[in-house]
Amino acid sequence: DTSRGGTGEDDSNQTDGFDRDAYVRDLREGIEMLTGSVLGLMLVGSLF
């Protein structure tokens, strides 16, 4: 349920009910990781 090197904190997230704020925050983090790194540049070439 948790990733390598993870902590018990993630286990609670796996079993809790749907948290809209956490969902939006997670989604925003995924987008920011792309726009703020070289992955975004790789993405441009892949999209083409």
All heavy atoms as atom14 arrays in JSON, in Angstrom:
{
  "sequence": "DTSRGGTGEDDSNQTDGFDRDAYVRDLREGIEMLTGSVLGLMLVGSLF",
  "atom14_mask": [
    [1, 1, 1, 1, 1, 1, 1, 1, 0, 0, 0, 0, 0, 0],
    [1, 1, 1, 1, 1, 1, 1, 0, 0, 0, 0, 0, 0, 0],
    [1, 1, 1, 1, 1, 1, 0, 0, 0, 0, 0, 0, 0, 0],
    [1, 1, 1, 1, 1, 1, 1, 1, 1, 1, 1, 0, 0, 0],
    [1, 1, 1, 1, 0, 0, 0, 0, 0, 0, 0, 0, 0, 0],
    [1, 1, 1, 1, 0, 0, 0, 0, 0, 0, 0, 0, 0, 0],
    [1, 1, 1, 1, 1, 1, 1, 0, 0, 0, 0, 0, 0, 0],
    [1, 1, 1, 1, 0, 0, 0, 0, 0, 0, 0, 0, 0, 0],
    [1, 1, 1, 1, 1, 1, 1, 1, 1, 0, 0, 0, 0, 0],
    [1, 1, 1, 1, 1, 1, 1, 1, 0, 0, 0, 0, 0, 0],
    [1, 1, 1, 1, 1, 1, 1, 1, 0, 0, 0, 0, 0, 0],
    [1, 1, 1, 1, 1, 1, 0, 0, 0, 0, 0, 0, 0, 0],
    [1, 1, 1, 1, 1, 1, 1, 1, 0, 0, 0, 0, 0, 0],
    [1, 1, 1, 1, 1, 1, 1, 1, 1, 0, 0, 0, 0, 0],
    [1, 1, 1, 1, 1, 1, 1, 0, 0, 0, 0, 0, 0, 0],
    [1, 1, 1, 1, 1, 1, 1, 1, 0, 0, 0, 0, 0, 0],
    [1, 1, 1, 1, 0, 0, 0, 0, 0, 0, 0, 0, 0, 0],
    [1, 1, 1, 1, 1, 1, 1, 1, 1, 1, 1, 0, 0, 0],
    [1, 1, 1, 1, 1, 1, 1, 1, 0, 0, 0, 0, 0, 0],
    [1, 1, 1, 1, 1, 1, 1, 1, 1, 1, 1, 0, 0, 0],
    [1, 1, 1, 1, 1, 1, 1, 1, 0, 0, 0, 0, 0, 0],
    [1, 1, 1, 1, 1, 0, 0, 0, 0, 0, 0, 0, 0, 0],
    [1, 1, 1, 1, 1, 1, 1, 1, 1, 1, 1, 1, 0, 0],
    [1, 1, 1, 1, 1, 1, 1, 0, 0, 0, 0, 0, 0, 0],
    [1, 1, 1, 1, 1, 1, 1, 1, 1, 1, 1, 0, 0, 0],
    [1, 1, 1, 1, 1, 1, 1, 1, 0, 0, 0, 0, 0, 0],
    [1, 1, 1, 1, 1, 1, 1, 1, 0, 0, 0, 0, 0, 0],
    [1, 1, 1, 1, 1, 1, 1, 1, 1, 1, 1, 0, 0, 0],
    [1, 1, 1, 1, 1, 1, 1, 1, 1, 0, 0, 0, 0, 0],
    [1, 1, 1, 1, 0, 0, 0, 0, 0, 0, 0, 0, 0, 0],
    [1, 1, 1, 1, 1, 1, 1, 1, 0, 0, 0, 0, 0, 0],
    [1, 1, 1, 1, 1, 1, 1, 1, 1, 0, 0, 0, 0, 0],
    [1, 1, 1, 1, 1, 1, 1, 1, 0, 0, 0, 0, 0, 0],
    [1, 1, 1, 1, 1, 1, 1, 1, 0, 0, 0, 0, 0, 0],
    [1, 1, 1, 1, 1, 1, 1, 0, 0, 0, 0, 0, 0, 0],
    [1, 1, 1, 1, 0, 0, 0, 0, 0, 0, 0, 0, 0, 0],
    [1, 1, 1, 1, 1, 1, 0, 0, 0, 0, 0, 0, 0, 0],
    [1, 1, 1, 1, 1, 1, 1, 0, 0, 0, 0, 0, 0, 0],
    [1, 1, 1, 1, 1, 1, 1, 1, 0, 0, 0, 0, 0, 0],
    [1, 1, 1, 1, 0, 0, 0, 0, 0, 0, 0, 0, 0, 0],
    [1, 1, 1, 1, 1, 1, 1, 1, 0, 0, 0, 0, 0, 0],
    [1, 1, 1, 1, 1, 1, 1, 1, 0, 0, 0, 0, 0, 0],
    [1, 1, 1, 1, 1, 1, 1, 1, 0, 0, 0, 0, 0, 0],
    [1, 1, 1, 1, 1, 1, 1, 0, 0, 0, 0, 0, 0, 0],
    [1, 1, 1, 1, 0, 0, 0, 0, 0, 0, 0, 0, 0, 0],
    [1, 1, 1, 1, 1, 1, 0, 0, 0, 0, 0, 0, 0, 0],
    [1, 1, 1, 1, 1, 1, 1, 1, 0, 0, 0, 0, 0, 0],
    [1, 1, 1, 1, 1, 1, 1, 1, 1, 1, 1, 0, 0, 0]
  ],
  "atom14_positions": [
    [[0.81, -1.21, 0.0], [0.0, 0.0, 0.0], [0.85, 1.26, 0.0], [0.38, 2.33, -0.39], [-0.92, 0.03, 1.23], [-2.02, -1.01, 1.13], [-2.28, -1.47, 0.02], [-2.57, -1.37, 2.18], [0.0, 0.0, 0.0], [0.0, 0.0, 0.0], [0.0, 0.0, 0.0], [0.0, 0.0, 0.0], [0.0, 0.0, 0.0], [0.0, 0.0, 0.0]],
    [[2.07, 1.15, 0.49], [2.98, 2.3, 0.49], [4.14, 2.0, -0.42], [4.49, 0.86, -0.67], [3.52, 2.6, 1.9], [4.13, 1.42, 2.42], [2.39, 3.04, 2.81], [0.0, 0.0, 0.0], [0.0, 0.0, 0.0], [0.0, 0.0, 0.0], [0.0, 0.0, 0.0], [0.0, 0.0, 0.0], [0.0, 0.0, 0.0], [0.0, 0.0, 0.0]],
    [[4.79, 3.07, -0.93], [5.92, 2.91, -1.84], [7.19, 2.62, -1.09], [7.24, 2.64, 0.13], [6.09, 4.19, -2.67], [6.27, 5.29, -1.82], [0.0, 0.0, 0.0], [0.0, 0.0, 0.0], [0.0, 0.0, 0.0], [0.0, 0.0, 0.0], [0.0, 0.0, 0.0], [0.0, 0.0, 0.0], [0.0, 0.0, 0.0], [0.0, 0.0, 0.0]],
    [[8.24, 2.31, -1.82], [9.53, 2.02, -1.22], [9.97, 3.16, -0.33], [9.91, 4.32, -0.68], [10.61, 1.81, -2.29], [10.32, 0.72, -3.28], [11.49, 0.57, -4.23], [11.98, 1.82, -4.74], [11.49, 2.41, -5.8], [10.46, 1.92, -6.44], [12.02, 3.53, -6.23], [0.0, 0.0, 0.0], [0.0, 0.0, 0.0], [0.0, 0.0, 0.0]],
    [[10.38, 2.77, 0.85], [10.9, 3.77, 1.76], [9.83, 4.64, 2.34], [10.1, 5.64, 2.96], [0.0, 0.0, 0.0], [0.0, 0.0, 0.0], [0.0, 0.0, 0.0], [0.0, 0.0, 0.0], [0.0, 0.0, 0.0], [0.0, 0.0, 0.0], [0.0, 0.0, 0.0], [0.0, 0.0, 0.0], [0.0, 0.0, 0.0], [0.0, 0.0, 0.0]],
    [[8.56, 4.29, 2.15], [7.47, 5.1, 2.65], [7.3, 4.93, 4.14], [7.93, 4.12, 4.81], [0.0, 0.0, 0.0], [0.0, 0.0, 0.0], [0.0, 0.0, 0.0], [0.0, 0.0, 0.0], [0.0, 0.0, 0.0], [0.0, 0.0, 0.0], [0.0, 0.0, 0.0], [0.0, 0.0, 0.0], [0.0, 0.0, 0.0], [0.0, 0.0, 0.0]],
    [[6.42, 5.71, 4.72], [6.14, 5.66, 6.13], [4.71, 5.27, 6.36], [3.88, 5.2, 5.46], [6.37, 7.05, 6.78], [5.41, 7.94, 6.23], [7.76, 7.54, 6.54], [0.0, 0.0, 0.0], [0.0, 0.0, 0.0], [0.0, 0.0, 0.0], [0.0, 0.0, 0.0], [0.0, 0.0, 0.0], [0.0, 0.0, 0.0], [0.0, 0.0, 0.0]],
    [[4.36, 5.03, 7.61], [3.0, 4.66, 7.95], [2.0, 5.74, 7.67], [0.8, 5.49, 7.64], [0.0, 0.0, 0.0], [0.0, 0.0, 0.0], [0.0, 0.0, 0.0], [0.0, 0.0, 0.0], [0.0, 0.0, 0.0], [0.0, 0.0, 0.0], [0.0, 0.0, 0.0], [0.0, 0.0, 0.0], [0.0, 0.0, 0.0], [0.0, 0.0, 0.0]],
    [[2.44, 6.96, 7.46], [1.5, 8.05, 7.22], [0.7, 7.81, 5.95], [-0.47, 8.15, 5.88], [2.28, 9.37, 7.09], [2.98, 9.77, 8.35], [3.79, 11.04, 8.16], [3.84, 11.55, 7.04], [4.35, 11.52, 9.16], [0.0, 0.0, 0.0], [0.0, 0.0, 0.0], [0.0, 0.0, 0.0], [0.0, 0.0, 0.0], [0.0, 0.0, 0.0]],
    [[1.3, 7.21, 4.95], [0.59, 6.99, 3.7], [-0.5, 5.96, 3.84], [-1.46, 5.95, 3.1], [1.56, 6.57, 2.59], [2.44, 7.72, 2.14], [2.0, 8.87, 2.29], [3.53, 7.46, 1.62], [0.0, 0.0, 0.0], [0.0, 0.0, 0.0], [0.0, 0.0, 0.0], [0.0, 0.0, 0.0], [0.0, 0.0, 0.0], [0.0, 0.0, 0.0]],
    [[-0.36, 5.01, 4.81], [-1.36, 3.97, 4.98], [-2.71, 4.56, 5.34], [-3.75, 4.08, 4.9], [-0.93, 2.99, 6.08], [0.22, 2.12, 5.61], [0.34, 1.92, 4.41], [0.97, 1.63, 6.47], [0.0, 0.0, 0.0], [0.0, 0.0, 0.0], [0.0, 0.0, 0.0], [0.0, 0.0, 0.0], [0.0, 0.0, 0.0], [0.0, 0.0, 0.0]],
    [[-2.71, 5.6, 6.13], [-3.97, 6.21, 6.5], [-4.64, 6.84, 5.3], [-5.86, 6.84, 5.17], [-3.74, 7.28, 7.59], [-2.93, 8.33, 7.09], [0.0, 0.0, 0.0], [0.0, 0.0, 0.0], [0.0, 0.0, 0.0], [0.0, 0.0, 0.0], [0.0, 0.0, 0.0], [0.0, 0.0, 0.0], [0.0, 0.0, 0.0], [0.0, 0.0, 0.0]],
    [[-3.84, 7.4, 4.4], [-4.41, 8.0, 3.2], [-5.06, 6.96, 2.3], [-6.0, 7.24, 1.59], [-3.31, 8.73, 2.4], [-2.83, 10.0, 3.1], [-3.55, 10.6, 3.88], [-1.6, 10.38, 2.8], [0.0, 0.0, 0.0], [0.0, 0.0, 0.0], [0.0, 0.0, 0.0], [0.0, 0.0, 0.0], [0.0, 0.0, 0.0], [0.0, 0.0, 0.0]],
    [[-4.52, 5.71, 2.37], [-5.06, 4.67, 1.52], [-6.45, 4.26, 1.97], [-7.26, 3.82, 1.18], [-4.14, 3.43, 1.56], [-2.73, 3.67, 1.05], [-2.65, 3.62, -0.44], [-3.6, 3.25, -1.1], [-1.53, 4.01, -1.0], [0.0, 0.0, 0.0], [0.0, 0.0, 0.0], [0.0, 0.0, 0.0], [0.0, 0.0, 0.0], [0.0, 0.0, 0.0]],
    [[-6.76, 4.38, 3.26], [-8.0, 3.85, 3.77], [-9.01, 4.91, 4.13], [-10.16, 4.62, 4.39], [-7.71, 3.0, 5.02], [-7.01, 3.81, 5.99], [-6.83, 1.8, 4.67], [0.0, 0.0, 0.0], [0.0, 0.0, 0.0], [0.0, 0.0, 0.0], [0.0, 0.0, 0.0], [0.0, 0.0, 0.0], [0.0, 0.0, 0.0], [0.0, 0.0, 0.0]],
    [[-8.62, 6.16, 4.2], [-9.55, 7.22, 4.52], [-10.53, 7.44, 3.38], [-10.31, 7.04, 2.25], [-8.79, 8.54, 4.77], [-8.06, 8.51, 6.11], [-8.39, 7.62, 6.92], [-7.18, 9.36, 6.31], [0.0, 0.0, 0.0], [0.0, 0.0, 0.0], [0.0, 0.0, 0.0], [0.0, 0.0, 0.0], [0.0, 0.0, 0.0], [0.0, 0.0, 0.0]],
    [[-11.64, 8.15, 3.67], [-12.59, 8.49, 2.64], [-12.0, 9.52, 1.69], [-10.92, 10.05, 1.91], [0.0, 0.0, 0.0], [0.0, 0.0, 0.0], [0.0, 0.0, 0.0], [0.0, 0.0, 0.0], [0.0, 0.0, 0.0], [0.0, 0.0, 0.0], [0.0, 0.0, 0.0], [0.0, 0.0, 0.0], [0.0, 0.0, 0.0], [0.0, 0.0, 0.0]],
    [[-12.75, 9.79, 0.64], [-12.27, 10.71, -0.39], [-12.09, 12.12, 0.18], [-13.0, 12.66, 0.8], [-13.27, 10.75, -1.54], [-12.86, 11.66, -2.66], [-11.87, 11.28, -3.54], [-13.45, 12.9, -2.83], [-11.48, 12.12, -4.58], [-13.08, 13.74, -3.86], [-12.1, 13.33, -4.74], [0.0, 0.0, 0.0], [0.0, 0.0, 0.0], [0.0, 0.0, 0.0]],
    [[-10.92, 12.68, -0.01], [-10.6, 14.02, 0.48], [-10.44, 14.92, -0.74], [-9.43, 14.84, -1.45], [-9.3, 13.97, 1.29], [-8.98, 15.32, 1.95], [-9.4, 16.36, 1.42], [-8.29, 15.31, 2.98], [0.0, 0.0, 0.0], [0.0, 0.0, 0.0], [0.0, 0.0, 0.0], [0.0, 0.0, 0.0], [0.0, 0.0, 0.0], [0.0, 0.0, 0.0]],
    [[-11.44, 15.78, -0.99], [-11.41, 16.6, -2.2], [-10.22, 17.54, -2.22], [-9.56, 17.71, -3.25], [-12.7, 17.41, -2.31], [-12.8, 18.2, -3.61], [-14.09, 19.0, -3.67], [-14.13, 20.01, -2.62], [-15.15, 20.83, -2.42], [-16.24, 20.73, -3.18], [-15.12, 21.72, -1.44], [0.0, 0.0, 0.0], [0.0, 0.0, 0.0], [0.0, 0.0, 0.0]],
    [[-9.92, 18.17, -1.08], [-8.79, 19.11, -1.04], [-7.47, 18.4, -1.32], [-6.62, 18.91, -2.04], [-8.73, 19.79, 0.33], [-9.9, 20.74, 0.55], [-10.49, 21.18, -0.45], [-10.22, 21.03, 1.71], [0.0, 0.0, 0.0], [0.0, 0.0, 0.0], [0.0, 0.0, 0.0], [0.0, 0.0, 0.0], [0.0, 0.0, 0.0], [0.0, 0.0, 0.0]],
    [[-7.31, 17.2, -0.73], [-6.08, 16.44, -0.97], [-6.0, 16.01, -2.43], [-4.92, 16.01, -3.03], [-6.04, 15.21, -0.06], [0.0, 0.0, 0.0], [0.0, 0.0, 0.0], [0.0, 0.0, 0.0], [0.0, 0.0, 0.0], [0.0, 0.0, 0.0], [0.0, 0.0, 0.0], [0.0, 0.0, 0.0], [0.0, 0.0, 0.0], [0.0, 0.0, 0.0]],
    [[-7.14, 15.65, -3.01], [-7.19, 15.24, -4.41], [-6.73, 16.38, -5.32], [-5.89, 16.21, -6.2], [-8.61, 14.82, -4.77], [-8.81, 14.51, -6.24], [-8.53, 13.25, -6.76], [-9.28, 15.48, -7.12], [-8.72, 12.96, -8.09], [-9.46, 15.21, -8.46], [-9.18, 13.95, -8.94], [-9.36, 13.68, -10.27], [0.0, 0.0, 0.0], [0.0, 0.0, 0.0]],
    [[-7.27, 17.59, -5.08], [-6.91, 18.75, -5.9], [-5.43, 19.08, -5.71], [-4.72, 19.42, -6.66], [-7.78, 19.96, -5.54], [-7.29, 21.21, -6.26], [-9.24, 19.68, -5.89], [0.0, 0.0, 0.0], [0.0, 0.0, 0.0], [0.0, 0.0, 0.0], [0.0, 0.0, 0.0], [0.0, 0.0, 0.0], [0.0, 0.0, 0.0], [0.0, 0.0, 0.0]],
    [[-4.95, 18.99, -4.47], [-3.55, 19.28, -4.19], [-2.63, 18.28, -4.91], [-1.62, 18.66, -5.51], [-3.29, 19.22, -2.69], [-1.85, 19.57, -2.29], [-1.64, 19.56, -0.79], [-1.86, 18.24, -0.22], [-2.89, 17.91, 0.52], [-3.85, 18.79, 0.78], [-3.03, 16.68, 1.02], [0.0, 0.0, 0.0], [0.0, 0.0, 0.0], [0.0, 0.0, 0.0]],
    [[-3.0, 17.0, -4.86], [-2.21, 15.97, -5.53], [-2.17, 16.21, -7.04], [-1.14, 16.07, -7.69], [-2.79, 14.59, -5.26], [-2.58, 14.15, -3.81], [-1.79, 14.81, -3.11], [-3.21, 13.16, -3.41], [0.0, 0.0, 0.0], [0.0, 0.0, 0.0], [0.0, 0.0, 0.0], [0.0, 0.0, 0.0], [0.0, 0.0, 0.0], [0.0, 0.0, 0.0]],
    [[-3.32, 16.58, -7.59], [-3.41, 16.83, -9.03], [-2.54, 18.01, -9.43], [-1.81, 17.96, -10.43], [-4.87, 17.09, -9.41], [-5.2, 17.24, -10.89], [-4.81, 15.99, -11.65], [-6.68, 17.54, -11.06], [0.0, 0.0, 0.0], [0.0, 0.0, 0.0], [0.0, 0.0, 0.0], [0.0, 0.0, 0.0], [0.0, 0.0, 0.0], [0.0, 0.0, 0.0]],
    [[-2.58, 19.06, -8.63], [-1.78, 20.25, -8.91], [-0.28, 19.91, -8.83], [0.51, 20.39, -9.65], [-2.12, 21.35, -7.91], [-1.38, 22.66, -8.2], [-1.69, 23.72, -7.15], [-3.11, 24.02, -7.13], [-3.91, 23.77, -6.09], [-3.4, 23.19, -5.0], [-5.19, 24.07, -6.14], [0.0, 0.0, 0.0], [0.0, 0.0, 0.0], [0.0, 0.0, 0.0]],
    [[0.11, 19.08, -7.87], [1.51, 18.71, -7.74], [2.0, 17.95, -8.96], [3.13, 18.14, -9.42], [1.72, 17.85, -6.48], [1.63, 18.63, -5.18], [1.82, 17.73, -3.97], [1.93, 16.5, -4.17], [1.86, 18.25, -2.85], [0.0, 0.0, 0.0], [0.0, 0.0, 0.0], [0.0, 0.0, 0.0], [0.0, 0.0, 0.0], [0.0, 0.0, 0.0]],
    [[1.13, 17.07, -9.51], [1.52, 16.33, -10.7], [1.79, 17.25, -11.88], [2.75, 17.06, -12.63], [0.0, 0.0, 0.0], [0.0, 0.0, 0.0], [0.0, 0.0, 0.0], [0.0, 0.0, 0.0], [0.0, 0.0, 0.0], [0.0, 0.0, 0.0], [0.0, 0.0, 0.0], [0.0, 0.0, 0.0], [0.0, 0.0, 0.0], [0.0, 0.0, 0.0]],
    [[0.93, 18.27, -12.04], [1.1, 19.23, -13.13], [2.35, 20.07, -12.92], [3.13, 20.32, -13.85], [-0.15, 20.13, -13.25], [-1.37, 19.28, -13.62], [0.08, 21.22, -14.28], [-2.67, 20.06, -13.61], [0.0, 0.0, 0.0], [0.0, 0.0, 0.0], [0.0, 0.0, 0.0], [0.0, 0.0, 0.0], [0.0, 0.0, 0.0], [0.0, 0.0, 0.0]],
    [[2.56, 20.52, -11.68], [3.71, 21.38, -11.39], [5.03, 20.65, -11.57], [6.03, 21.24, -11.98], [3.6, 21.91, -9.96], [2.48, 22.93, -9.77], [2.31, 23.37, -8.34], [2.93, 22.71, -7.44], [1.59, 24.35, -8.09], [0.0, 0.0, 0.0], [0.0, 0.0, 0.0], [0.0, 0.0, 0.0], [0.0, 0.0, 0.0], [0.0, 0.0, 0.0]],
    [[5.04, 19.34, -11.29], [6.27, 18.57, -11.48], [6.67, 18.51, -12.94], [7.86, 18.46, -13.28], [6.11, 17.16, -10.91], [6.12, 17.09, -9.4], [6.31, 15.41, -8.8], [7.96, 15.03, -9.35], [0.0, 0.0, 0.0], [0.0, 0.0, 0.0], [0.0, 0.0, 0.0], [0.0, 0.0, 0.0], [0.0, 0.0, 0.0], [0.0, 0.0, 0.0]],
    [[5.69, 18.54, -13.82], [5.98, 18.52, -15.25], [6.41, 19.89, -15.75], [7.41, 20.02, -16.46], [4.76, 18.04, -16.03], [4.49, 16.54, -16.01], [3.18, 16.22, -16.71], [5.64, 15.79, -16.68], [0.0, 0.0, 0.0], [0.0, 0.0, 0.0], [0.0, 0.0, 0.0], [0.0, 0.0, 0.0], [0.0, 0.0, 0.0], [0.0, 0.0, 0.0]],
    [[5.65, 20.91, -15.39], [5.95, 22.24, -15.89], [7.22, 22.81, -15.3], [7.83, 23.71, -15.88], [4.78, 23.2, -15.59], [4.53, 23.23, -14.18], [3.51, 22.74, -16.3], [0.0, 0.0, 0.0], [0.0, 0.0, 0.0], [0.0, 0.0, 0.0], [0.0, 0.0, 0.0], [0.0, 0.0, 0.0], [0.0, 0.0, 0.0], [0.0, 0.0, 0.0]],
    [[7.65, 22.28, -14.16], [8.81, 22.84, -13.49], [10.08, 22.04, -13.66], [11.06, 22.27, -12.96], [0.0, 0.0, 0.0], [0.0, 0.0, 0.0], [0.0, 0.0, 0.0], [0.0, 0.0, 0.0], [0.0, 0.0, 0.0], [0.0, 0.0, 0.0], [0.0, 0.0, 0.0], [0.0, 0.0, 0.0], [0.0, 0.0, 0.0], [0.0, 0.0, 0.0]],
    [[10.08, 21.07, -14.57], [11.28, 20.25, -14.75], [11.49, 19.94, -16.23], [10.68, 20.29, -17.09], [11.15, 18.93, -13.97], [10.21, 18.07, -14.59], [0.0, 0.0, 0.0], [0.0, 0.0, 0.0], [0.0, 0.0, 0.0], [0.0, 0.0, 0.0], [0.0, 0.0, 0.0], [0.0, 0.0, 0.0], [0.0, 0.0, 0.0], [0.0, 0.0, 0.0]],
    [[12.6, 19.24, -16.51], [12.92, 18.88, -17.89], [11.9, 17.9, -18.46], [11.81, 17.72, -19.67], [14.35, 18.29, -17.95], [14.4, 16.91, -17.31], [14.86, 18.24, -19.39], [0.0, 0.0, 0.0], [0.0, 0.0, 0.0], [0.0, 0.0, 0.0], [0.0, 0.0, 0.0], [0.0, 0.0, 0.0], [0.0, 0.0, 0.0], [0.0, 0.0, 0.0]],
    [[11.12, 17.26, -17.58], [10.07, 16.36, -18.07], [9.09, 17.09, -18.98], [8.55, 16.52, -19.92], [9.32, 15.74, -16.88], [10.06, 14.68, -16.06], [9.2, 14.25, -14.87], [10.41, 13.48, -16.92], [0.0, 0.0, 0.0], [0.0, 0.0, 0.0], [0.0, 0.0, 0.0], [0.0, 0.0, 0.0], [0.0, 0.0, 0.0], [0.0, 0.0, 0.0]],
    [[8.84, 18.36, -18.68], [7.94, 19.14, -19.52], [8.48, 19.3, -20.93], [7.72, 19.25, -21.91], [0.0, 0.0, 0.0], [0.0, 0.0, 0.0], [0.0, 0.0, 0.0], [0.0, 0.0, 0.0], [0.0, 0.0, 0.0], [0.0, 0.0, 0.0], [0.0, 0.0, 0.0], [0.0, 0.0, 0.0], [0.0, 0.0, 0.0], [0.0, 0.0, 0.0]],
    [[9.81, 19.49, -21.05], [10.42, 19.61, -22.37], [10.36, 18.29, -23.13], [10.14, 18.26, -24.34], [11.87, 20.07, -22.23], [12.07, 21.48, -21.64], [13.54, 21.76, -21.4], [11.46, 22.53, -22.56], [0.0, 0.0, 0.0], [0.0, 0.0, 0.0], [0.0, 0.0, 0.0], [0.0, 0.0, 0.0], [0.0, 0.0, 0.0], [0.0, 0.0, 0.0]],
    [[10.56, 17.19, -22.4], [10.43, 15.87, -23.03], [9.02, 15.67, -23.53], [8.79, 15.1, -24.61], [10.78, 14.77, -22.02], [12.23, 14.72, -21.61], [12.53, 13.32, -20.49], [14.26, 13.59, -20.08], [0.0, 0.0, 0.0], [0.0, 0.0, 0.0], [0.0, 0.0, 0.0], [0.0, 0.0, 0.0], [0.0, 0.0, 0.0], [0.0, 0.0, 0.0]],
    [[8.06, 16.15, -22.74], [6.66, 15.98, -23.1], [6.32, 16.66, -24.42], [5.58, 16.13, -25.24], [5.77, 16.53, -21.98], [4.27, 16.49, -22.22], [3.79, 15.05, -22.39], [3.53, 17.16, -21.06], [0.0, 0.0, 0.0], [0.0, 0.0, 0.0], [0.0, 0.0, 0.0], [0.0, 0.0, 0.0], [0.0, 0.0, 0.0], [0.0, 0.0, 0.0]],
    [[6.89, 17.85, -24.66], [6.61, 18.58, -25.89], [6.99, 17.74, -27.12], [6.22, 17.62, -28.08], [7.36, 19.93, -25.91], [7.23, 20.59, -27.28], [6.82, 20.84, -24.82], [0.0, 0.0, 0.0], [0.0, 0.0, 0.0], [0.0, 0.0, 0.0], [0.0, 0.0, 0.0], [0.0, 0.0, 0.0], [0.0, 0.0, 0.0], [0.0, 0.0, 0.0]],
    [[8.19, 17.15, -27.07], [8.63, 16.32, -28.19], [7.76, 15.1, -28.36], [7.41, 14.71, -29.48], [0.0, 0.0, 0.0], [0.0, 0.0, 0.0], [0.0, 0.0, 0.0], [0.0, 0.0, 0.0], [0.0, 0.0, 0.0], [0.0, 0.0, 0.0], [0.0, 0.0, 0.0], [0.0, 0.0, 0.0], [0.0, 0.0, 0.0], [0.0, 0.0, 0.0]],
    [[7.38, 14.47, -27.25], [6.54, 13.28, -27.31], [5.16, 13.6, -27.88], [4.59, 12.81, -28.64], [6.4, 12.65, -25.92], [7.65, 12.19, -25.46], [0.0, 0.0, 0.0], [0.0, 0.0, 0.0], [0.0, 0.0, 0.0], [0.0, 0.0, 0.0], [0.0, 0.0, 0.0], [0.0, 0.0, 0.0], [0.0, 0.0, 0.0], [0.0, 0.0, 0.0]],
    [[4.62, 14.76, -27.51], [3.3, 15.14, -28.0], [3.31, 15.31, -29.52], [2.37, 14.9, -30.22], [2.84, 16.43, -27.34], [2.49, 16.36, -25.85], [2.05, 17.73, -25.34], [1.42, 15.32, -25.59], [0.0, 0.0, 0.0], [0.0, 0.0, 0.0], [0.0, 0.0, 0.0], [0.0, 0.0, 0.0], [0.0, 0.0, 0.0], [0.0, 0.0, 0.0]],
    [[4.37, 15.91, -30.03], [4.47, 16.11, -31.47], [4.53, 14.76, -32.19], [3.84, 14.54, -33.21], [5.71, 16.94, -31.79], [5.87, 17.27, -33.24], [4.95, 18.08, -33.89], [6.94, 16.78, -33.97], [5.09, 18.39, -35.24], [7.1, 17.07, -35.32], [6.16, 17.88, -35.95], [0.0, 0.0, 0.0], [0.0, 0.0, 0.0], [0.0, 0.0, 0.0]]
  ]
}
